[in-house]
């Protein structure tokens, strides 16, 4: 009887031991030795563009959701005001902080206004990454995006060369956002090197495609001797008809942003130069950064991560369209 009892106890111990080994064994395809397993609770990362109505940000959402799927244990909360409104964006950010999301990645409509709120999130232990438009005075961990001053310089320098260093021009921007202010600064710095070029007016389109279209129509009528347009955002190429009032056989147009329909607008001869960003990367890179910070306690080596730009001309637009198709399908990533 005693021998049977001992055998039963040994069998029970062996079964429990095997079960524990099975539970600690990595699942097929899961993390291997030396890697950090995903957290048990799903992480909630808030990715916030300036506005839901601005088409350029749709690709950031795709990038974020693709990256979340790869990571396997991340939920993307995509939230922003319907139209670009600094106060409403601040309210949205406050709400996400109150919900105690696990991380925030935001494109700032007005950096000075958002800085105290970003600092509040950081002080509460919620990591913040900025993308597209920075809040450099805040406690944010890192910024991912283009060097906007250099991007503006590319626009200004190329327009100046197209005009042989002389002519009257107008600029389209949206006041308040850190990224647009820096692009405007870069464009003006480059144009200032050419005394024969005069900036007649800098228009504020309030980050609205339809307002930009109206501005271009008004400016074209107001300044009959206009030789060029610089747009530090993609508003004139987010609508295929926004440049219809411009006689592009006489007037040169350079625009920042390359998302569709911009390449097709170029192929129709309505724009002479496009400078593009890493649109899908806006979502994927900050999502990965937040995951590394929260799960792996790994911080980016630099507070500024320069994504680089794509410069598209009529000669290279077809190649860019092919590249874009691969980015959309997920065949390649940024």
Protein backbone atom coordinates (compact mmCIF):
# COMPACT_ATOMS: atom_id res chain seq x y z
CA UNK A 1 0.00 0.00 0.00
CA UNK A 2 2.83 2.37 0.97
CA UNK A 3 4.63 1.55 -2.31
CA UNK A 4 1.47 2.39 -4.33
CA UNK A 5 1.10 5.73 -2.52
CA UNK A 6 4.70 6.66 -3.27
CA UNK A 7 4.22 5.80 -6.95
CA UNK A 8 1.07 7.93 -7.14
CA UNK A 9 2.83 10.92 -5.53
CA UNK A 10 5.75 10.56 -7.95
CA UNK A 11 3.38 10.45 -10.94
CA UNK A 12 1.55 13.56 -9.73
CA UNK A 13 4.83 15.45 -9.26
CA UNK A 14 6.00 14.41 -12.76
CA UNK A 15 2.73 15.61 -14.35
CA UNK A 16 2.92 19.03 -12.64
CA UNK A 17 6.58 19.43 -13.64
CA UNK A 18 5.81 18.67 -17.30
CA UNK A 19 2.93 21.11 -17.29
CA UNK A 20 5.14 23.91 -15.95
CA UNK A 21 7.76 23.19 -18.61
CA UNK A 22 5.07 23.30 -21.30
CA UNK A 23 3.72 26.63 -19.97
CA UNK A 24 7.16 28.29 -20.01
CA UNK A 25 8.09 26.96 -23.46
CA UNK A 26 7.88 29.70 -26.16
CA UNK A 27 4.95 29.32 -28.53
CA UNK A 28 5.78 28.49 -32.16
CA UNK A 29 6.79 31.70 -33.89
CA UNK A 30 6.91 33.53 -30.57
CA UNK A 31 9.85 35.24 -28.85
CA UNK A 32 12.97 33.13 -28.66
CA UNK A 33 15.83 33.17 -26.16
CA UNK A 34 17.12 36.64 -25.32
CA UNK A 35 14.00 38.49 -26.50
CA UNK A 36 11.39 40.25 -24.42
CA UNK A 37 8.00 38.53 -24.57
CA UNK A 38 4.97 40.73 -25.23
CA UNK A 39 3.18 42.01 -22.12
CA UNK A 40 0.22 40.00 -20.81
CA UNK A 41 -2.13 43.00 -21.03
CA UNK A 42 -2.77 44.64 -24.42
CA UNK A 43 -1.08 48.03 -24.67
CA UNK A 44 -3.12 51.02 -25.83
CA UNK A 45 -1.15 53.55 -27.87
CA UNK A 46 -2.89 56.78 -28.92
CA UNK A 47 -1.77 58.06 -32.32
CA UNK A 48 -3.04 61.60 -32.89
CA UNK A 49 -2.77 63.57 -36.14
CA UNK A 50 -3.59 67.26 -36.36
CA UNK A 51 -7.02 66.50 -37.80
CA UNK A 52 -8.99 63.56 -39.15
CA UNK A 53 -10.01 65.53 -42.25
CA UNK A 54 -6.45 66.04 -43.55
CA UNK A 55 -5.85 63.20 -46.06
CA UNK A 56 -2.10 63.05 -45.61
CA UNK A 57 -2.56 61.51 -42.17
CA UNK A 58 -4.58 58.50 -43.34
CA UNK A 59 -1.34 56.72 -44.25
CA UNK A 60 0.04 57.21 -40.73
CA UNK A 61 -2.99 55.31 -39.44
CA UNK A 62 -2.26 52.46 -41.85
CA UNK A 63 1.39 52.40 -40.76
CA UNK A 64 0.49 52.36 -37.06
CA UNK A 65 -2.05 49.57 -37.44
CA UNK A 66 0.36 47.47 -39.52
CA UNK A 67 3.05 47.86 -36.87
CA UNK A 68 0.58 47.02 -34.08
CA UNK A 69 -0.33 43.82 -35.91
CA UNK A 70 3.36 42.88 -36.16
CA UNK A 71 3.89 43.52 -32.46
CA UNK A 72 0.79 41.46 -31.72
CA UNK A 73 -0.27 42.97 -28.42
CA UNK A 74 -0.95 46.61 -29.22
CA UNK A 75 -4.22 48.46 -29.76
CA UNK A 76 -4.10 51.70 -31.77
CA UNK A 77 -6.38 54.51 -30.64
CA UNK A 78 -6.64 56.89 -33.61
CA UNK A 79 -8.13 60.14 -32.38
CA UNK A 80 -8.03 63.84 -33.30
CA UNK A 81 -10.34 66.78 -33.98
CA UNK A 82 -12.29 66.60 -37.24
CA UNK A 83 -10.57 69.77 -38.49
CA UNK A 84 -7.31 71.37 -37.40
CA UNK A 85 -8.13 73.15 -34.14
CA UNK A 86 -5.38 73.66 -31.53
CA UNK A 87 -7.76 73.95 -28.57
CA UNK A 88 -9.73 70.85 -29.53
CA UNK A 89 -6.51 68.89 -30.04
CA UNK A 90 -5.44 69.90 -26.54
CA UNK A 91 -8.80 68.70 -25.17
CA UNK A 92 -8.40 65.38 -26.99
CA UNK A 93 -4.92 64.98 -25.55
CA UNK A 94 -6.19 65.71 -22.02
CA UNK A 95 -8.87 63.05 -22.48
CA UNK A 96 -6.33 60.43 -23.57
CA UNK A 97 -4.20 61.21 -20.53
CA UNK A 98 -7.27 60.81 -18.29
CA UNK A 99 -7.85 57.39 -19.89
CA UNK A 100 -4.31 56.43 -18.89
CA UNK A 101 -3.28 55.17 -22.30
CA UNK A 102 0.09 53.42 -22.36
CA UNK A 103 1.72 55.80 -24.82
CA UNK A 104 1.00 58.80 -27.03
CA UNK A 105 2.33 59.81 -30.46
CA UNK A 106 1.12 63.21 -31.65
CA UNK A 107 1.50 65.62 -34.56
CA UNK A 108 1.20 69.01 -32.88
CA UNK A 109 -1.04 71.70 -34.35
CA UNK A 110 0.37 74.29 -31.94
CA UNK A 111 3.47 73.25 -30.02
CA UNK A 112 3.40 76.05 -27.44
CA UNK A 113 -0.21 75.30 -26.53
CA UNK A 114 0.40 71.55 -26.23
CA UNK A 115 3.70 71.65 -24.37
CA UNK A 116 2.20 71.80 -20.82
CA UNK A 117 -0.16 68.92 -21.63
CA UNK A 118 2.63 66.80 -23.11
CA UNK A 119 4.65 67.50 -19.98
CA UNK A 120 1.69 66.42 -17.85
CA UNK A 121 1.54 63.08 -19.67
CA UNK A 122 5.27 62.53 -19.23
CA UNK A 123 5.08 63.43 -15.52
CA UNK A 124 2.34 60.80 -15.11
CA UNK A 125 4.57 58.17 -16.71
CA UNK A 126 2.89 58.15 -20.13
CA UNK A 127 5.65 58.28 -22.78
CA UNK A 128 5.11 60.81 -25.58
CA UNK A 129 6.59 60.78 -29.09
CA UNK A 130 5.94 63.61 -31.53
CA UNK A 131 5.80 63.04 -35.28
CA UNK A 132 5.36 65.26 -38.34
CA UNK A 133 5.11 68.41 -36.20
CA UNK A 134 7.21 68.67 -33.05
CA UNK A 135 6.90 70.31 -29.64
CA UNK A 136 10.64 70.83 -29.06
CA UNK A 137 10.26 72.74 -25.78
CA UNK A 138 8.28 69.90 -24.18
CA UNK A 139 9.49 66.83 -22.30
CA UNK A 140 8.58 64.55 -25.21
CA UNK A 141 11.02 61.67 -25.60
CA UNK A 142 11.67 62.00 -29.32
CA UNK A 143 10.46 63.51 -32.58
CA UNK A 144 10.19 61.53 -35.83
CA UNK A 145 9.90 63.42 -39.09
CA UNK A 146 11.67 65.51 -41.68
CA UNK A 147 14.07 68.36 -41.09
CA UNK A 148 11.53 71.04 -41.91
CA UNK A 149 13.96 73.94 -42.29
CA UNK A 150 15.97 71.96 -44.86
CA UNK A 151 12.75 70.87 -46.57
CA UNK A 152 11.69 74.50 -46.94
CA UNK A 153 15.11 75.35 -48.30
CA UNK A 154 14.69 72.65 -50.99
CA UNK A 155 11.41 74.27 -52.06
CA UNK A 156 12.81 77.80 -52.11
CA UNK A 157 16.09 76.93 -53.79
CA UNK A 158 14.43 74.93 -56.56
CA UNK A 159 11.85 77.63 -57.28
CA UNK A 160 14.59 80.26 -57.43
CA UNK A 161 16.51 78.19 -59.98
CA UNK A 162 13.37 77.64 -62.08
CA UNK A 163 12.87 81.43 -62.17
CA UNK A 164 16.55 82.16 -62.94
CA UNK A 165 16.73 84.10 -59.68
CA UNK A 166 14.08 86.73 -60.44
CA UNK A 167 10.32 87.22 -60.25
CA UNK A 168 7.41 87.87 -57.91
CA UNK A 169 6.10 84.95 -55.90
CA UNK A 170 3.50 84.08 -53.25
CA UNK A 171 3.59 81.54 -50.42
CA UNK A 172 0.87 79.33 -48.93
CA UNK A 173 1.20 78.11 -45.32
CA UNK A 174 -0.88 77.47 -42.20
CA UNK A 175 0.19 79.51 -39.20
CA UNK A 176 0.88 78.04 -35.77
CA UNK A 177 2.27 74.54 -36.40
CA UNK A 178 5.95 74.05 -35.60
CA UNK A 179 6.68 72.04 -38.76
CA UNK A 180 5.05 74.56 -41.11
CA UNK A 181 6.73 77.52 -39.41
CA UNK A 182 10.10 75.86 -39.92
CA UNK A 183 9.41 75.03 -43.57
CA UNK A 184 8.34 78.63 -44.14
CA UNK A 185 11.54 79.81 -42.47
CA UNK A 186 13.64 77.51 -44.68
CA UNK A 187 11.90 78.62 -47.88
CA UNK A 188 12.35 82.29 -47.04
CA UNK A 189 16.01 81.74 -46.11
CA UNK A 190 16.68 80.15 -49.50
CA UNK A 191 14.75 82.80 -51.44
CA UNK A 192 16.51 85.62 -49.57
CA UNK A 193 19.74 84.65 -51.37
CA UNK A 194 18.18 85.89 -54.61
CA UNK A 195 17.63 89.67 -54.55
CA UNK A 196 15.70 89.46 -57.82
CA UNK A 197 12.93 87.45 -56.16
CA UNK A 198 10.22 89.29 -54.24
CA UNK A 199 7.65 87.64 -51.95
CA UNK A 200 4.44 89.56 -52.55
CA UNK A 201 2.33 87.85 -49.91
CA UNK A 202 2.31 84.89 -47.49
CA UNK A 203 -1.19 83.42 -47.22
CA UNK A 204 -2.61 81.45 -44.26
CA UNK A 205 -4.87 78.64 -45.50
CA UNK A 206 -5.63 77.43 -41.95
CA UNK A 207 -4.66 73.88 -42.91
CA UNK A 208 -7.73 73.63 -45.15
CA UNK A 209 -7.65 72.36 -48.75
CA UNK A 210 -10.66 74.38 -49.90
CA UNK A 211 -9.33 77.58 -48.32
CA UNK A 212 -6.01 76.98 -50.11
CA UNK A 213 -7.82 76.62 -53.44
CA UNK A 214 -9.61 79.93 -52.84
CA UNK A 215 -6.33 81.61 -51.86
CA UNK A 216 -4.64 80.47 -55.08
CA UNK A 217 -7.55 81.76 -57.16
CA UNK A 218 -7.57 85.10 -55.30
CA UNK A 219 -3.79 85.48 -55.43
CA UNK A 220 -3.68 84.71 -59.14
CA UNK A 221 -6.23 87.47 -59.85
CA UNK A 222 -4.65 89.92 -57.40
CA UNK A 223 -1.10 89.58 -58.75
CA UNK A 224 -1.14 89.40 -62.54
CA UNK A 225 2.67 89.36 -62.71
CA UNK A 226 3.07 86.38 -60.36
CA UNK A 227 5.89 84.08 -61.47
CA UNK A 228 5.73 81.38 -58.82
CA UNK A 229 3.95 79.74 -55.89
CA UNK A 230 5.51 77.99 -52.90
CA UNK A 231 3.27 75.86 -50.72
CA UNK A 232 4.88 74.50 -47.54
CA UNK A 233 2.03 71.99 -47.20
CA UNK A 234 0.25 69.79 -49.71
CA UNK A 235 -3.06 71.66 -49.89
CA UNK A 236 -2.74 72.65 -53.60
CA UNK A 237 -2.15 69.02 -54.62
CA UNK A 238 -4.67 67.34 -52.30
CA UNK A 239 -7.34 68.51 -54.76
CA UNK A 240 -6.83 67.87 -58.47
CA UNK A 241 -8.47 71.20 -59.36
CA UNK A 242 -6.85 73.51 -56.80
CA UNK A 243 -4.31 74.82 -59.34
CA UNK A 244 -6.73 75.24 -62.25
CA UNK A 245 -6.59 79.04 -61.96
CA UNK A 246 -2.80 79.05 -62.42
CA UNK A 247 -1.30 79.34 -65.90
CA UNK A 248 1.46 76.82 -65.33
CA UNK A 249 3.01 77.58 -68.71
CA UNK A 250 4.12 80.89 -67.15
CA UNK A 251 3.97 80.27 -63.39
CA UNK A 252 6.17 77.75 -61.54
CA UNK A 253 4.68 75.81 -58.61
CA UNK A 254 6.57 73.91 -55.90
CA UNK A 255 4.69 72.04 -53.19
CA UNK A 256 5.52 70.06 -50.07
CA UNK A 257 3.79 66.62 -50.00
CA UNK A 258 3.60 63.76 -52.47
CA UNK A 259 0.54 61.71 -51.54
CA UNK A 260 -2.12 60.96 -54.18
CA UNK A 261 -3.38 62.77 -56.14
CA UNK A 262 -0.17 64.88 -56.09
CA UNK A 263 1.78 62.68 -58.55
CA UNK A 264 -1.14 62.78 -61.00
CA UNK A 265 -1.36 66.57 -60.61
CA UNK A 266 2.31 66.69 -61.58
CA UNK A 267 1.77 64.41 -64.57
CA UNK A 268 -0.89 66.88 -65.78
CA UNK A 269 1.78 69.61 -65.75
CA UNK A 270 0.26 71.62 -62.89
CA UNK A 271 3.20 71.39 -60.47
CA UNK A 272 6.95 71.50 -61.07
CA UNK A 273 8.39 70.00 -57.87
CA UNK A 274 7.07 67.88 -54.99
CA UNK A 275 8.86 67.16 -51.72
CA UNK A 276 7.48 64.21 -49.76
CA UNK A 277 7.60 62.70 -46.30
CA UNK A 278 7.56 59.17 -44.86
CA UNK A 279 3.79 59.00 -44.46
CA UNK A 280 3.39 55.37 -43.44
CA UNK A 281 6.44 55.73 -41.20
CA UNK A 282 4.65 58.47 -39.25
CA UNK A 283 2.54 55.71 -37.75
CA UNK A 284 4.81 52.68 -37.77
CA UNK A 285 7.97 54.25 -36.31
CA UNK A 286 6.36 56.00 -33.28
CA UNK A 287 4.37 52.83 -32.52
CA UNK A 288 7.59 50.79 -32.46
CA UNK A 289 9.34 53.47 -30.40
CA UNK A 290 6.56 53.48 -27.80
CA UNK A 291 6.62 49.66 -27.64
CA UNK A 292 10.38 49.62 -27.10
CA UNK A 293 10.08 52.25 -24.36
CA UNK A 294 7.20 50.56 -22.50
CA UNK A 295 8.13 46.89 -22.94
CA UNK A 296 11.88 46.78 -23.49
CA UNK A 297 12.83 49.96 -21.57
CA UNK A 298 14.78 50.92 -24.67
CA UNK A 299 14.93 54.61 -25.55
CA UNK A 300 15.90 56.11 -28.93
CA UNK A 301 19.56 57.20 -29.07
CA UNK A 302 18.61 60.68 -30.29
CA UNK A 303 15.66 62.96 -29.44
CA UNK A 304 15.35 63.87 -33.14
CA UNK A 305 14.96 61.13 -35.73
CA UNK A 306 15.27 62.55 -39.25
CA UNK A 307 13.16 60.49 -41.66
CA UNK A 308 14.55 62.15 -44.79
CA UNK A 309 12.49 63.35 -47.76
CA UNK A 310 11.56 62.28 -51.27
CA UNK A 311 12.10 64.87 -54.01
CA UNK A 312 9.87 64.23 -57.02
CA UNK A 313 10.20 65.90 -60.42
CA UNK A 314 8.36 65.35 -63.72
CA UNK A 315 11.28 63.11 -64.73
CA UNK A 316 11.02 60.88 -61.64
CA UNK A 317 7.27 60.93 -60.96
CA UNK A 318 6.54 57.58 -62.64
CA UNK A 319 9.15 55.82 -60.51
CA UNK A 320 7.66 57.44 -57.42
CA UNK A 321 4.16 56.23 -58.36
CA UNK A 322 5.49 52.66 -58.57
CA UNK A 323 7.18 53.04 -55.19
CA UNK A 324 3.94 54.38 -53.71
CA UNK A 325 1.99 51.34 -54.92
CA UNK A 326 4.45 49.08 -53.07
CA UNK A 327 4.14 51.16 -49.90
CA UNK A 328 0.34 50.99 -50.05
CA UNK A 329 0.35 47.22 -50.52
CA UNK A 330 2.88 46.71 -47.73
CA UNK A 331 5.39 45.17 -50.14
CA UNK A 332 7.95 47.69 -48.86
CA UNK A 333 8.00 49.74 -45.67
CA UNK A 334 9.39 53.09 -44.59
